[in-house]
Amino acid sequence: MFNLQALLESLPMMGYGMLGIFIAVAVIILAVIILGKIFPAKK
């Protein structure tokens, strides 16, 4: 029904996936901030 060993074996791979998502979101946020400083909004 519930295989605890399989869950524990898959945790590192899930961790890498979550880390990859976090890095991708951080890169997008940094790109938006940098582009906002290079091309400021005109008022």
N, C-alpha and C. Protein backbone atom coordinates (compact mmCIF):
# COMPACT_ATOMS: atom_id res chain seq x y z
N MET A 1 0.82 -1.19 0.00
CA MET A 1 0.00 0.00 0.00
C MET A 1 0.87 1.26 0.00
N PHE A 2 1.68 1.42 1.03
CA PHE A 2 2.54 2.61 1.12
C PHE A 2 3.97 2.15 1.32
N ASN A 3 4.82 2.44 0.34
CA ASN A 3 6.20 1.96 0.37
C ASN A 3 7.10 3.08 0.89
N LEU A 4 7.43 3.00 2.18
CA LEU A 4 8.26 4.04 2.79
C LEU A 4 9.66 4.05 2.21
N GLN A 5 10.20 2.89 1.90
CA GLN A 5 11.56 2.81 1.35
C GLN A 5 11.64 3.52 -0.01
N ALA A 6 10.62 3.33 -0.85
CA ALA A 6 10.62 3.99 -2.15
C ALA A 6 10.53 5.51 -1.98
N LEU A 7 9.75 5.95 -1.00
CA LEU A 7 9.65 7.39 -0.74
C LEU A 7 11.00 7.95 -0.33
N LEU A 8 11.69 7.26 0.58
CA LEU A 8 12.98 7.75 1.05
C LEU A 8 14.02 7.74 -0.07
N GLU A 9 13.93 6.77 -0.98
CA GLU A 9 14.88 6.73 -2.10
C GLU A 9 14.62 7.84 -3.11
N SER A 10 13.37 8.28 -3.23
CA SER A 10 13.04 9.30 -4.22
C SER A 10 13.19 10.72 -3.67
N LEU A 11 13.37 10.86 -2.37
CA LEU A 11 13.50 12.21 -1.79
C LEU A 11 14.64 13.03 -2.39
N PRO A 12 15.84 12.47 -2.57
CA PRO A 12 16.91 13.31 -3.17
C PRO A 12 16.55 13.83 -4.55
N MET A 13 15.92 13.00 -5.38
CA MET A 13 15.56 13.45 -6.73
C MET A 13 14.50 14.56 -6.65
N MET A 14 13.54 14.41 -5.74
CA MET A 14 12.53 15.46 -5.58
C MET A 14 13.19 16.75 -5.07
N GLY A 15 14.19 16.60 -4.21
CA GLY A 15 14.90 17.78 -3.72
C GLY A 15 15.62 18.51 -4.83
N TYR A 16 16.26 17.75 -5.74
CA TYR A 16 16.93 18.39 -6.88
C TYR A 16 15.92 19.12 -7.76
N GLY A 17 14.76 18.53 -7.94
CA GLY A 17 13.72 19.17 -8.75
C GLY A 17 13.26 20.48 -8.14
N MET A 18 13.03 20.45 -6.82
CA MET A 18 12.59 21.67 -6.14
C MET A 18 13.69 22.73 -6.17
N LEU A 19 14.95 22.30 -6.04
CA LEU A 19 16.07 23.24 -6.11
C LEU A 19 16.14 23.87 -7.50
N GLY A 20 15.94 23.07 -8.53
CA GLY A 20 15.96 23.59 -9.90
C GLY A 20 14.87 24.62 -10.13
N ILE A 21 13.66 24.34 -9.61
CA ILE A 21 12.56 25.29 -9.75
C ILE A 21 12.90 26.59 -9.02
N PHE A 22 13.46 26.47 -7.81
CA PHE A 22 13.82 27.66 -7.03
C PHE A 22 14.85 28.50 -7.78
N ILE A 23 15.86 27.84 -8.36
CA ILE A 23 16.90 28.57 -9.09
C ILE A 23 16.31 29.26 -10.32
N ALA A 24 15.42 28.58 -11.04
CA ALA A 24 14.81 29.18 -12.23
C ALA A 24 13.99 30.42 -11.86
N VAL A 25 13.21 30.33 -10.78
CA VAL A 25 12.41 31.48 -10.35
C VAL A 25 13.33 32.63 -9.92
N ALA A 26 14.42 32.32 -9.22
CA ALA A 26 15.34 33.35 -8.77
C ALA A 26 15.99 34.05 -9.97
N VAL A 27 16.35 33.30 -11.01
CA VAL A 27 16.96 33.89 -12.21
C VAL A 27 15.97 34.82 -12.89
N ILE A 28 14.71 34.41 -12.99
CA ILE A 28 13.69 35.26 -13.62
C ILE A 28 13.50 36.55 -12.83
N ILE A 29 13.43 36.43 -11.49
CA ILE A 29 13.25 37.63 -10.66
C ILE A 29 14.44 38.57 -10.82
N LEU A 30 15.66 38.03 -10.81
CA LEU A 30 16.84 38.88 -10.98
C LEU A 30 16.86 39.54 -12.35
N ALA A 31 16.44 38.82 -13.39
CA ALA A 31 16.41 39.40 -14.73
C ALA A 31 15.43 40.57 -14.78
N VAL A 32 14.26 40.41 -14.14
CA VAL A 32 13.27 41.50 -14.13
C VAL A 32 13.82 42.71 -13.38
N ILE A 33 14.49 42.48 -12.25
CA ILE A 33 15.06 43.60 -11.48
C ILE A 33 16.14 44.32 -12.29
N ILE A 34 17.03 43.55 -12.93
CA ILE A 34 18.11 44.15 -13.71
C ILE A 34 17.56 44.93 -14.90
N LEU A 35 16.58 44.35 -15.60
CA LEU A 35 16.00 45.06 -16.74
C LEU A 35 15.27 46.32 -16.27
N GLY A 36 14.66 46.27 -15.09
CA GLY A 36 14.01 47.46 -14.55
C GLY A 36 14.99 48.57 -14.25
N LYS A 37 16.21 48.22 -13.85
CA LYS A 37 17.23 49.24 -13.59
C LYS A 37 17.83 49.77 -14.89
N ILE A 38 17.98 48.90 -15.90
CA ILE A 38 18.56 49.33 -17.18
C ILE A 38 17.57 50.22 -17.94
N PHE A 39 16.29 49.81 -17.95
CA PHE A 39 15.26 50.54 -18.67
C PHE A 39 14.19 51.00 -17.68
N PRO A 40 14.43 52.10 -16.97
CA PRO A 40 13.43 52.55 -15.99
C PRO A 40 12.15 53.02 -16.66
N ALA A 41 11.04 52.91 -15.94
CA ALA A 41 9.74 53.33 -16.48
C ALA A 41 9.72 54.84 -16.63
N LYS A 42 9.26 55.30 -17.79
CA LYS A 42 9.19 56.74 -18.04
C LYS A 42 7.86 57.26 -17.52
N LYS A 43 7.92 58.42 -16.84
CA LYS A 43 6.69 58.97 -16.27
C LYS A 43 6.22 60.19 -17.03
